[in-house]
N, C-alpha and C. Protein backbone atom coordinates (compact mmCIF):
# COMPACT_ATOMS: atom_id res chain seq x y z
N UNK A 1 38.01 135.59 84.59
CA UNK A 1 39.22 136.08 85.25
C UNK A 1 39.36 137.58 85.00
N UNK A 2 39.77 138.33 86.03
CA UNK A 2 39.89 139.77 85.89
C UNK A 2 41.11 140.16 85.07
N UNK A 3 41.14 141.45 84.70
CA UNK A 3 42.23 141.93 83.85
C UNK A 3 43.57 141.86 84.57
N UNK A 4 43.56 142.05 85.91
CA UNK A 4 44.82 141.98 86.66
C UNK A 4 45.45 140.60 86.60
N UNK A 5 44.63 139.57 86.70
CA UNK A 5 45.17 138.21 86.63
C UNK A 5 45.75 137.89 85.27
N UNK A 6 45.06 138.34 84.21
CA UNK A 6 45.58 138.10 82.87
C UNK A 6 46.89 138.85 82.66
N UNK A 7 46.97 140.07 83.17
CA UNK A 7 48.20 140.85 83.02
C UNK A 7 49.35 140.19 83.75
N UNK A 8 49.10 139.65 84.93
CA UNK A 8 50.18 138.96 85.67
C UNK A 8 50.64 137.73 84.92
N UNK A 9 49.72 137.02 84.29
CA UNK A 9 50.12 135.84 83.51
C UNK A 9 50.96 136.24 82.31
N UNK A 10 50.61 137.34 81.67
CA UNK A 10 51.38 137.79 80.51
C UNK A 10 52.78 138.23 80.93
N UNK A 11 52.87 138.92 82.06
CA UNK A 11 54.18 139.38 82.54
C UNK A 11 55.05 138.21 82.96
N UNK A 12 54.45 137.19 83.54
CA UNK A 12 55.23 136.03 84.00
C UNK A 12 55.56 135.06 82.89
N UNK A 13 54.92 135.18 81.74
CA UNK A 13 55.12 134.21 80.66
C UNK A 13 56.56 134.14 80.16
N UNK A 14 57.26 135.26 79.93
CA UNK A 14 58.63 135.15 79.39
C UNK A 14 59.59 134.36 80.27
N UNK A 15 59.38 134.37 81.58
CA UNK A 15 60.29 133.65 82.47
C UNK A 15 60.14 132.14 82.32
N UNK A 16 59.02 131.68 81.79
CA UNK A 16 58.81 130.25 81.61
C UNK A 16 59.27 129.74 80.26
N UNK A 17 59.82 130.63 79.43
CA UNK A 17 60.24 130.26 78.08
C UNK A 17 61.75 130.14 78.01
N UNK A 18 62.22 129.42 77.01
CA UNK A 18 63.65 129.32 76.76
C UNK A 18 64.18 130.56 76.07
N UNK A 19 65.49 130.64 75.92
CA UNK A 19 66.09 131.83 75.33
C UNK A 19 65.67 132.01 73.87
N UNK A 20 65.58 130.92 73.11
CA UNK A 20 65.16 131.02 71.71
C UNK A 20 63.71 131.47 71.61
N UNK A 21 62.87 130.95 72.50
CA UNK A 21 61.47 131.35 72.51
C UNK A 21 61.32 132.82 72.92
N UNK A 22 62.12 133.27 73.87
CA UNK A 22 62.07 134.67 74.26
C UNK A 22 62.47 135.58 73.10
N UNK A 23 63.49 135.18 72.34
CA UNK A 23 63.91 135.96 71.18
C UNK A 23 62.79 136.02 70.14
N UNK A 24 62.11 134.90 69.93
CA UNK A 24 60.98 134.89 68.99
C UNK A 24 59.85 135.79 69.48
N UNK A 25 59.62 135.79 70.78
CA UNK A 25 58.58 136.66 71.33
C UNK A 25 58.92 138.14 71.17
N UNK A 26 60.18 138.49 71.40
CA UNK A 26 60.59 139.89 71.21
C UNK A 26 60.46 140.31 69.75
N UNK A 27 60.85 139.43 68.83
CA UNK A 27 60.76 139.75 67.41
C UNK A 27 59.30 139.91 66.98
N UNK A 28 58.43 139.01 67.46
CA UNK A 28 57.01 139.12 67.12
C UNK A 28 56.39 140.38 67.71
N UNK A 29 56.78 140.73 68.94
CA UNK A 29 56.27 141.95 69.55
C UNK A 29 56.77 143.19 68.81
N UNK A 30 58.05 143.18 68.40
CA UNK A 30 58.58 144.30 67.63
C UNK A 30 57.87 144.44 66.29
N UNK A 31 57.56 143.31 65.65
CA UNK A 31 56.84 143.35 64.39
C UNK A 31 55.44 143.92 64.58
N UNK A 32 54.80 143.54 65.66
CA UNK A 32 53.45 144.05 65.93
C UNK A 32 53.47 145.54 66.23
N UNK A 33 54.43 145.98 67.03
CA UNK A 33 54.50 147.40 67.39
C UNK A 33 54.95 148.26 66.20
N UNK A 34 55.72 147.67 65.30
CA UNK A 34 56.17 148.44 64.14
C UNK A 34 55.01 148.85 63.24
N UNK A 35 53.90 148.16 63.34
CA UNK A 35 52.74 148.52 62.53
C UNK A 35 52.11 149.83 62.98
N UNK A 36 52.48 150.30 64.16
CA UNK A 36 52.01 151.61 64.63
C UNK A 36 52.89 152.75 64.13
N UNK A 37 54.07 152.40 63.61
CA UNK A 37 55.02 153.41 63.13
C UNK A 37 54.67 153.81 61.70
N UNK A 38 55.26 154.91 61.22
CA UNK A 38 55.00 155.32 59.83
C UNK A 38 55.56 154.31 58.84
N UNK A 39 54.69 153.73 58.05
CA UNK A 39 55.09 152.80 57.00
C UNK A 39 55.17 153.48 55.64
N UNK A 40 54.24 154.36 55.39
CA UNK A 40 54.14 154.98 54.07
C UNK A 40 54.11 156.50 54.21
N UNK A 41 54.54 157.14 53.16
CA UNK A 41 54.47 158.60 53.07
C UNK A 41 53.70 158.95 51.80
N UNK A 42 52.62 159.66 51.98
CA UNK A 42 51.83 160.06 50.81
C UNK A 42 52.06 161.54 50.51
N UNK A 43 52.26 161.82 49.26
CA UNK A 43 52.48 163.19 48.78
C UNK A 43 51.34 163.55 47.82
N UNK A 44 50.60 164.59 48.19
CA UNK A 44 49.43 165.00 47.42
C UNK A 44 49.67 166.43 46.92
N UNK A 45 49.41 166.63 45.64
CA UNK A 45 49.58 167.97 45.05
C UNK A 45 48.39 168.84 45.40
N UNK A 46 48.72 169.97 45.98
CA UNK A 46 47.70 170.97 46.31
C UNK A 46 48.19 172.32 45.78
N UNK A 47 47.59 172.72 44.69
CA UNK A 47 48.05 173.95 44.06
C UNK A 47 49.40 173.76 43.43
N UNK A 48 50.33 174.60 43.80
CA UNK A 48 51.69 174.51 43.25
C UNK A 48 52.66 173.78 44.16
N UNK A 49 52.18 173.11 45.17
CA UNK A 49 53.08 172.43 46.11
C UNK A 49 52.51 171.07 46.49
N UNK A 50 53.41 170.23 47.05
CA UNK A 50 53.02 168.90 47.51
C UNK A 50 52.86 168.94 49.03
N UNK A 51 51.82 168.29 49.49
CA UNK A 51 51.58 168.15 50.93
C UNK A 51 51.87 166.70 51.31
N UNK A 52 52.76 166.51 52.28
CA UNK A 52 53.19 165.17 52.69
C UNK A 52 52.54 164.78 54.00
N UNK A 53 52.28 163.52 54.13
CA UNK A 53 51.71 162.97 55.36
C UNK A 53 52.16 161.52 55.50
N UNK A 54 52.28 161.04 56.72
CA UNK A 54 52.70 159.66 56.96
C UNK A 54 51.49 158.81 57.33
N UNK A 55 51.58 157.54 56.98
CA UNK A 55 50.49 156.59 57.24
C UNK A 55 51.10 155.34 57.84
N UNK A 56 50.51 154.86 58.92
CA UNK A 56 50.97 153.61 59.54
C UNK A 56 50.36 152.42 58.80
N UNK A 57 50.78 151.23 59.23
CA UNK A 57 50.22 150.03 58.60
C UNK A 57 48.73 149.89 58.88
N UNK A 58 48.30 150.38 60.04
CA UNK A 58 46.88 150.33 60.35
C UNK A 58 46.09 151.41 59.62
N UNK A 59 46.80 152.35 59.01
CA UNK A 59 46.11 153.41 58.28
C UNK A 59 45.64 152.96 56.92
N UNK A 60 46.17 151.87 56.41
CA UNK A 60 45.74 151.31 55.13
C UNK A 60 45.78 149.80 55.24
N UNK A 61 44.71 149.23 55.73
CA UNK A 61 44.65 147.80 55.99
C UNK A 61 44.23 147.07 54.72
N UNK A 62 45.12 146.22 54.25
CA UNK A 62 44.84 145.36 53.10
C UNK A 62 45.24 143.94 53.50
N UNK A 63 45.32 143.06 52.49
CA UNK A 63 45.71 141.68 52.77
C UNK A 63 47.09 141.61 53.39
N UNK A 64 48.03 142.42 52.92
CA UNK A 64 49.40 142.36 53.41
C UNK A 64 49.47 142.76 54.88
N UNK A 65 48.90 143.91 55.20
CA UNK A 65 48.95 144.38 56.59
C UNK A 65 48.20 143.44 57.53
N UNK A 66 47.06 142.92 57.07
CA UNK A 66 46.30 141.98 57.92
C UNK A 66 47.08 140.69 58.14
N UNK A 67 47.76 140.20 57.09
CA UNK A 67 48.53 138.97 57.23
C UNK A 67 49.71 139.16 58.17
N UNK A 68 50.40 140.29 58.08
CA UNK A 68 51.52 140.56 58.97
C UNK A 68 51.04 140.64 60.42
N UNK A 69 49.90 141.27 60.63
CA UNK A 69 49.34 141.35 61.99
C UNK A 69 49.01 139.97 62.53
N UNK A 70 48.39 139.12 61.71
CA UNK A 70 48.04 137.78 62.16
C UNK A 70 49.27 136.94 62.45
N UNK A 71 50.33 137.13 61.66
CA UNK A 71 51.58 136.40 61.90
C UNK A 71 52.15 136.76 63.27
N UNK A 72 52.27 138.05 63.55
CA UNK A 72 52.84 138.49 64.82
C UNK A 72 51.97 138.05 66.00
N UNK A 73 50.66 138.25 65.88
CA UNK A 73 49.75 137.88 66.96
C UNK A 73 49.73 136.36 67.16
N UNK A 74 49.80 135.60 66.06
CA UNK A 74 49.78 134.15 66.18
C UNK A 74 51.01 133.60 66.88
N UNK A 75 52.18 134.15 66.58
CA UNK A 75 53.41 133.70 67.25
C UNK A 75 53.35 134.03 68.74
N UNK A 76 52.88 135.22 69.07
CA UNK A 76 52.76 135.58 70.49
C UNK A 76 51.77 134.67 71.21
N UNK A 77 50.67 134.33 70.56
CA UNK A 77 49.70 133.42 71.18
C UNK A 77 50.30 132.03 71.37
N UNK A 78 51.07 131.57 70.39
CA UNK A 78 51.72 130.26 70.50
C UNK A 78 52.69 130.23 71.68
N UNK A 79 53.51 131.25 71.80
CA UNK A 79 54.48 131.29 72.89
C UNK A 79 53.80 131.43 74.25
N UNK A 80 52.69 132.15 74.30
CA UNK A 80 51.98 132.30 75.57
C UNK A 80 51.41 130.96 76.03
N UNK A 81 50.87 130.19 75.11
CA UNK A 81 50.33 128.88 75.50
C UNK A 81 51.45 127.93 75.93
N UNK A 82 52.61 128.05 75.30
CA UNK A 82 53.74 127.22 75.74
C UNK A 82 54.19 127.62 77.14
N UNK A 83 54.19 128.90 77.41
CA UNK A 83 54.57 129.36 78.75
C UNK A 83 53.56 128.89 79.79
N UNK A 84 52.30 128.71 79.38
CA UNK A 84 51.27 128.22 80.30
C UNK A 84 51.35 126.71 80.49
N UNK A 85 52.24 126.05 79.77
CA UNK A 85 52.43 124.62 79.93
C UNK A 85 51.51 123.76 79.10
N UNK A 86 50.90 124.31 78.08
CA UNK A 86 49.99 123.53 77.25
C UNK A 86 50.80 122.74 76.22
N UNK A 87 50.44 121.48 76.09
CA UNK A 87 51.16 120.58 75.19
C UNK A 87 50.26 120.22 74.01
N UNK A 88 50.74 120.45 72.82
CA UNK A 88 50.07 120.03 71.60
C UNK A 88 51.10 120.01 70.48
N UNK A 89 50.84 119.20 69.50
CA UNK A 89 51.79 118.99 68.41
C UNK A 89 51.46 119.89 67.23
N UNK A 90 52.49 120.50 66.66
CA UNK A 90 52.36 121.30 65.45
C UNK A 90 53.17 120.64 64.34
N UNK A 91 52.72 120.75 63.10
CA UNK A 91 53.47 120.14 62.00
C UNK A 91 54.89 120.70 61.91
N UNK A 92 55.88 119.85 62.09
CA UNK A 92 57.27 120.28 62.05
C UNK A 92 57.79 120.84 63.34
N UNK A 93 56.94 121.05 64.34
CA UNK A 93 57.39 121.62 65.60
C UNK A 93 57.23 123.13 65.65
N UNK A 94 57.38 123.71 66.84
CA UNK A 94 57.22 125.15 67.02
C UNK A 94 58.24 125.94 66.21
N UNK A 95 59.48 125.45 66.17
CA UNK A 95 60.52 126.18 65.44
C UNK A 95 60.20 126.32 63.97
N UNK A 96 59.70 125.25 63.37
CA UNK A 96 59.35 125.31 61.95
C UNK A 96 58.21 126.28 61.71
N UNK A 97 57.23 126.30 62.60
CA UNK A 97 56.10 127.22 62.45
C UNK A 97 56.56 128.67 62.57
N UNK A 98 57.41 128.96 63.55
CA UNK A 98 57.89 130.33 63.74
C UNK A 98 58.79 130.74 62.58
N UNK A 99 59.63 129.83 62.11
CA UNK A 99 60.48 130.11 60.96
C UNK A 99 59.63 130.45 59.73
N UNK A 100 58.62 129.64 59.47
CA UNK A 100 57.75 129.92 58.34
C UNK A 100 56.99 131.23 58.49
N UNK A 101 56.58 131.55 59.72
CA UNK A 101 55.87 132.81 59.95
C UNK A 101 56.77 134.01 59.67
N UNK A 102 58.03 133.94 60.11
CA UNK A 102 58.95 135.05 59.85
C UNK A 102 59.25 135.23 58.38
N UNK A 103 59.47 134.11 57.67
CA UNK A 103 59.75 134.20 56.23
C UNK A 103 58.53 134.75 55.48
N UNK A 104 57.34 134.30 55.85
CA UNK A 104 56.12 134.76 55.20
C UNK A 104 55.92 136.27 55.42
N UNK A 105 56.14 136.73 56.65
CA UNK A 105 56.00 138.16 56.93
C UNK A 105 57.03 138.98 56.17
N UNK A 106 58.27 138.49 56.10
CA UNK A 106 59.31 139.22 55.37
C UNK A 106 58.98 139.30 53.88
N UNK A 107 58.46 138.22 53.31
CA UNK A 107 58.10 138.24 51.89
C UNK A 107 56.95 139.22 51.62
N UNK A 108 55.98 139.25 52.52
CA UNK A 108 54.86 140.17 52.34
C UNK A 108 55.33 141.63 52.41
N UNK A 109 56.19 141.92 53.39
CA UNK A 109 56.68 143.29 53.52
C UNK A 109 57.54 143.67 52.32
N UNK A 110 58.38 142.74 51.86
CA UNK A 110 59.20 143.02 50.68
C UNK A 110 58.34 143.26 49.45
N UNK A 111 57.25 142.53 49.32
CA UNK A 111 56.36 142.71 48.18
C UNK A 111 55.74 144.10 48.18
N UNK A 112 55.54 144.66 49.38
CA UNK A 112 54.94 145.98 49.48
C UNK A 112 55.84 147.07 48.88
N UNK A 113 57.12 146.80 48.73
CA UNK A 113 58.00 147.78 48.11
C UNK A 113 57.58 148.01 46.66
N UNK A 114 57.11 146.97 45.99
CA UNK A 114 56.74 147.07 44.58
C UNK A 114 55.24 147.29 44.39
N UNK A 115 54.45 146.86 45.33
CA UNK A 115 53.00 147.01 45.24
C UNK A 115 52.51 147.85 46.43
N UNK A 116 52.69 149.12 46.32
CA UNK A 116 52.35 150.02 47.43
C UNK A 116 50.86 150.35 47.41
N UNK A 117 50.29 150.59 48.58
CA UNK A 117 48.86 150.89 48.63
C UNK A 117 48.58 152.28 48.06
N UNK A 118 47.39 152.43 47.56
CA UNK A 118 46.97 153.71 46.99
C UNK A 118 46.32 154.55 48.08
N UNK A 119 47.15 155.25 48.83
CA UNK A 119 46.63 156.08 49.93
C UNK A 119 46.70 157.57 49.60
N UNK A 120 47.32 157.90 48.48
CA UNK A 120 47.46 159.32 48.14
C UNK A 120 46.37 159.80 47.20
N UNK A 121 45.66 158.87 46.55
CA UNK A 121 44.62 159.30 45.63
C UNK A 121 45.20 159.65 44.26
N UNK A 122 44.34 160.17 43.40
CA UNK A 122 44.76 160.56 42.05
C UNK A 122 45.72 161.74 42.10
N UNK A 123 46.80 161.59 41.35
CA UNK A 123 47.77 162.68 41.29
C UNK A 123 48.76 162.69 42.43
N UNK A 124 48.70 161.73 43.34
CA UNK A 124 49.62 161.69 44.47
C UNK A 124 50.61 160.55 44.33
N UNK A 125 51.63 160.55 45.15
CA UNK A 125 52.64 159.50 45.18
C UNK A 125 52.74 158.92 46.58
N UNK A 126 53.23 157.68 46.64
CA UNK A 126 53.36 156.97 47.91
C UNK A 126 54.81 156.53 48.06
N UNK A 127 55.43 156.89 49.17
CA UNK A 127 56.80 156.49 49.47
C UNK A 127 56.85 155.57 50.67
N UNK A 128 58.06 155.11 50.99
CA UNK A 128 58.29 154.20 52.11
C UNK A 128 58.93 154.97 53.26
N UNK A 129 58.42 154.75 54.45
CA UNK A 129 58.94 155.42 55.64
C UNK A 129 59.76 154.45 56.49
N UNK A 130 60.41 154.98 57.52
CA UNK A 130 61.35 154.21 58.32
C UNK A 130 60.69 153.07 59.10
N UNK A 131 59.44 153.22 59.49
CA UNK A 131 58.77 152.13 60.21
C UNK A 131 58.64 150.87 59.38
N UNK A 132 58.58 151.04 58.07
CA UNK A 132 58.50 149.91 57.16
C UNK A 132 59.76 149.05 57.25
N UNK A 133 60.91 149.68 57.32
CA UNK A 133 62.18 148.94 57.39
C UNK A 133 62.34 148.25 58.75
N UNK A 134 61.84 148.89 59.81
CA UNK A 134 61.88 148.23 61.12
C UNK A 134 61.04 146.96 61.11
N UNK A 135 59.90 147.02 60.44
CA UNK A 135 59.05 145.83 60.34
C UNK A 135 59.76 144.72 59.57
N UNK A 136 60.49 145.09 58.52
CA UNK A 136 61.21 144.08 57.74
C UNK A 136 62.31 143.43 58.57
N UNK A 137 63.05 144.23 59.34
CA UNK A 137 64.10 143.67 60.21
C UNK A 137 63.49 142.78 61.28
N UNK A 138 62.34 143.18 61.85
CA UNK A 138 61.69 142.36 62.87
C UNK A 138 61.22 141.03 62.29
N UNK A 139 60.74 141.04 61.05
CA UNK A 139 60.34 139.78 60.41
C UNK A 139 61.55 138.88 60.19
N UNK A 140 62.68 139.46 59.79
CA UNK A 140 63.90 138.66 59.64
C UNK A 140 64.37 138.09 60.97
N UNK A 141 64.28 138.89 62.05
CA UNK A 141 64.66 138.39 63.37
C UNK A 141 63.73 137.28 63.83
N UNK A 142 62.46 137.37 63.46
CA UNK A 142 61.52 136.30 63.80
C UNK A 142 61.88 135.00 63.09
N UNK A 143 62.24 135.10 61.82
CA UNK A 143 62.66 133.90 61.08
C UNK A 143 63.94 133.31 61.68
N UNK A 144 64.89 134.17 62.07
CA UNK A 144 66.12 133.69 62.68
C UNK A 144 65.85 132.99 64.01
N UNK A 145 64.96 133.56 64.81
CA UNK A 145 64.61 132.92 66.08
C UNK A 145 63.93 131.57 65.85
N UNK A 146 63.08 131.49 64.82
CA UNK A 146 62.46 130.22 64.50
C UNK A 146 63.48 129.17 64.09
N UNK A 147 64.49 129.59 63.35
CA UNK A 147 65.56 128.66 62.97
C UNK A 147 66.31 128.14 64.19
N UNK A 148 66.60 129.03 65.12
CA UNK A 148 67.29 128.61 66.34
C UNK A 148 66.42 127.69 67.18
N UNK A 149 65.12 127.97 67.24
CA UNK A 149 64.21 127.08 67.96
C UNK A 149 64.18 125.70 67.31
N UNK A 150 64.20 125.68 66.00
CA UNK A 150 64.18 124.41 65.27
C UNK A 150 65.44 123.60 65.55
N UNK A 151 66.60 124.26 65.56
CA UNK A 151 67.84 123.56 65.87
C UNK A 151 67.84 123.03 67.29
N UNK A 152 67.34 123.83 68.23
CA UNK A 152 67.29 123.39 69.63
C UNK A 152 66.35 122.20 69.80
N UNK A 153 65.24 122.20 69.09
CA UNK A 153 64.31 121.09 69.18
C UNK A 153 64.94 119.81 68.64
N UNK A 154 65.72 119.95 67.57
CA UNK A 154 66.38 118.76 67.01
C UNK A 154 67.42 118.20 67.98
N UNK A 155 68.14 119.08 68.66
CA UNK A 155 69.16 118.61 69.61
C UNK A 155 68.52 117.97 70.83
N UNK A 156 67.36 118.50 71.25
CA UNK A 156 66.70 117.97 72.44
C UNK A 156 65.91 116.71 72.16
N UNK A 157 65.65 116.42 70.89
CA UNK A 157 64.87 115.25 70.54
C UNK A 157 65.72 114.00 70.76
N UNK A 158 65.21 113.01 71.51
CA UNK A 158 66.01 111.78 71.74
C UNK A 158 66.18 111.01 70.44
N UNK A 159 67.39 110.55 70.23
CA UNK A 159 67.68 109.77 69.03
C UNK A 159 67.40 108.30 69.30
N UNK A 160 66.67 107.65 68.42
CA UNK A 160 66.38 106.22 68.64
C UNK A 160 67.64 105.39 68.57
N UNK A 161 67.73 104.36 69.39
CA UNK A 161 68.95 103.51 69.35
C UNK A 161 69.07 102.80 68.02
N UNK A 162 70.30 102.72 67.56
CA UNK A 162 70.55 102.04 66.30
C UNK A 162 70.47 100.53 66.49
N UNK A 163 69.87 99.90 65.53
CA UNK A 163 69.79 98.45 65.57
C UNK A 163 71.08 97.86 65.03
N UNK A 164 71.71 97.06 65.85
CA UNK A 164 72.94 96.42 65.43
C UNK A 164 72.64 95.15 64.67
N UNK A 165 73.35 95.01 63.58
CA UNK A 165 73.18 93.79 62.81
C UNK A 165 73.78 92.61 63.57
N UNK A 166 73.11 91.47 63.55
CA UNK A 166 73.67 90.32 64.30
C UNK A 166 75.02 89.90 63.72
N UNK A 167 75.93 89.66 64.63
CA UNK A 167 77.27 89.26 64.21
C UNK A 167 77.24 87.86 63.61
N UNK A 168 78.06 87.70 62.61
CA UNK A 168 78.14 86.39 61.97
C UNK A 168 78.74 85.40 62.96
N UNK A 169 78.20 84.19 63.03
CA UNK A 169 78.77 83.20 63.98
C UNK A 169 80.20 82.87 63.60
N UNK A 170 80.96 82.56 64.63
CA UNK A 170 82.35 82.22 64.40
C UNK A 170 82.45 80.92 63.61
N UNK A 171 83.57 80.80 62.96
CA UNK A 171 83.76 79.62 62.12
C UNK A 171 83.71 78.36 62.96
N UNK A 172 82.89 77.44 62.55
CA UNK A 172 82.76 76.17 63.24
C UNK A 172 83.11 75.05 62.27
N UNK A 173 83.62 73.95 62.79
CA UNK A 173 83.94 72.83 61.88
C UNK A 173 82.68 72.34 61.19
N UNK A 174 82.82 72.17 59.91
CA UNK A 174 81.67 71.74 59.11
C UNK A 174 81.64 70.23 59.05
N UNK A 175 80.52 69.69 59.38
CA UNK A 175 80.34 68.24 59.37
C UNK A 175 79.57 67.90 58.10
N UNK A 176 80.22 67.14 57.24
CA UNK A 176 79.59 66.74 55.98
C UNK A 176 78.85 65.43 56.18
N UNK A 177 77.65 65.42 55.87
CA UNK A 177 76.83 64.21 55.98
C UNK A 177 76.39 63.78 54.60
N UNK A 178 76.40 62.48 54.41
CA UNK A 178 75.98 61.95 53.11
C UNK A 178 74.47 61.98 53.05
N UNK A 179 73.93 62.49 51.98
CA UNK A 179 72.47 62.52 51.88
C UNK A 179 71.90 61.13 51.82
N UNK A 180 70.72 60.99 52.35
CA UNK A 180 70.07 59.68 52.36
C UNK A 180 69.76 59.27 50.94
N UNK A 181 70.01 58.03 50.61
CA UNK A 181 69.74 57.58 49.24
C UNK A 181 68.25 57.57 48.96
N UNK A 182 67.93 57.79 47.72
CA UNK A 182 66.53 57.77 47.31
C UNK A 182 66.07 56.34 47.21
N UNK A 183 64.79 56.10 47.28
CA UNK A 183 64.30 54.71 47.22
C UNK A 183 64.64 54.04 45.92
N UNK A 184 64.72 54.79 44.80
CA UNK A 184 64.99 54.18 43.51
C UNK A 184 66.46 53.91 43.27
N UNK A 185 67.29 54.42 44.11
CA UNK A 185 68.73 54.29 43.89
C UNK A 185 69.19 52.92 44.36
N UNK A 186 70.04 52.29 43.54
CA UNK A 186 70.59 50.97 43.90
C UNK A 186 71.74 51.16 44.87
N UNK A 187 71.54 50.71 46.08
CA UNK A 187 72.54 50.92 47.12
C UNK A 187 73.51 49.77 47.24
N UNK A 188 73.34 48.74 46.45
CA UNK A 188 74.25 47.58 46.59
C UNK A 188 75.65 47.93 46.16
N UNK A 189 75.73 48.84 45.12
CA UNK A 189 77.06 49.18 44.63
C UNK A 189 77.77 50.11 45.57
N UNK A 190 76.97 50.85 46.36
CA UNK A 190 77.59 51.82 47.25
C UNK A 190 77.91 51.23 48.60
N UNK A 191 77.35 50.04 48.85
CA UNK A 191 77.58 49.44 50.17
C UNK A 191 78.94 48.76 50.18
N UNK A 192 79.74 49.02 51.18
CA UNK A 192 81.07 48.42 51.28
C UNK A 192 80.93 46.94 51.61
N UNK A 193 81.77 46.14 51.04
CA UNK A 193 81.68 44.69 51.36
C UNK A 193 82.06 44.45 52.80
N UNK A 194 81.38 43.45 53.38
CA UNK A 194 81.64 43.16 54.79
C UNK A 194 83.04 42.58 54.98
N UNK A 195 83.46 41.75 54.03
CA UNK A 195 84.78 41.17 54.19
C UNK A 195 85.32 40.85 52.80
N UNK A 196 86.58 41.01 52.61
CA UNK A 196 87.18 40.73 51.31
C UNK A 196 87.23 39.22 51.10
N UNK A 197 86.94 38.73 49.90
CA UNK A 197 87.01 37.25 49.69
C UNK A 197 88.45 36.74 49.73
N UNK A 198 88.59 35.48 50.21
CA UNK A 198 89.92 34.89 50.29
C UNK A 198 90.43 34.52 48.89
N UNK A 199 91.62 34.77 48.64
CA UNK A 199 92.21 34.41 47.36
C UNK A 199 92.62 32.94 47.41
N UNK A 200 92.24 32.21 46.42
CA UNK A 200 92.55 30.81 46.34
C UNK A 200 93.62 30.57 45.33
N UNK A 201 94.53 29.83 45.66
CA UNK A 201 95.63 29.50 44.73
C UNK A 201 95.54 28.02 44.39
């Protein structure tokens, strides 16, 4: 398929998604684009002064940056396949997967505040730039969209009918029957006499 056909499919994909899915797609796209913005600021001492420069997430690719990229790209790929009408089951549903992806990305970005990459070299310092905070907000928005998708999936899921317990039968007259005598039991004493004997005077 040519590039024009693929582009038309990508442009038409959002119209086939629900509002929660569209929000998740926007958050994932914002997270992906934020990686092009300045994430870090490196300050290097040169002589008697510091020289500052900004570095994007792609300027220092480590496990954190690669994982954030895969999270954003994976969510976009998931939503694109749903817009194409492909049906497949994911553990916990799409909402749970998107929610987990947003939380995972937010934790990775938050960890980077304490474990910053060494892009300044010896004698330099590394700071945080504004693009880093945009990425953190986009990851939070992705988690929020996943939560909303999860709630919508629960509401749309048909609830199985409840099984009603059988009602107790209405009170009926109880008929008491005498148990059959055992073969060893002497029934002569229990048998009523056929006729009372005549009294003789």
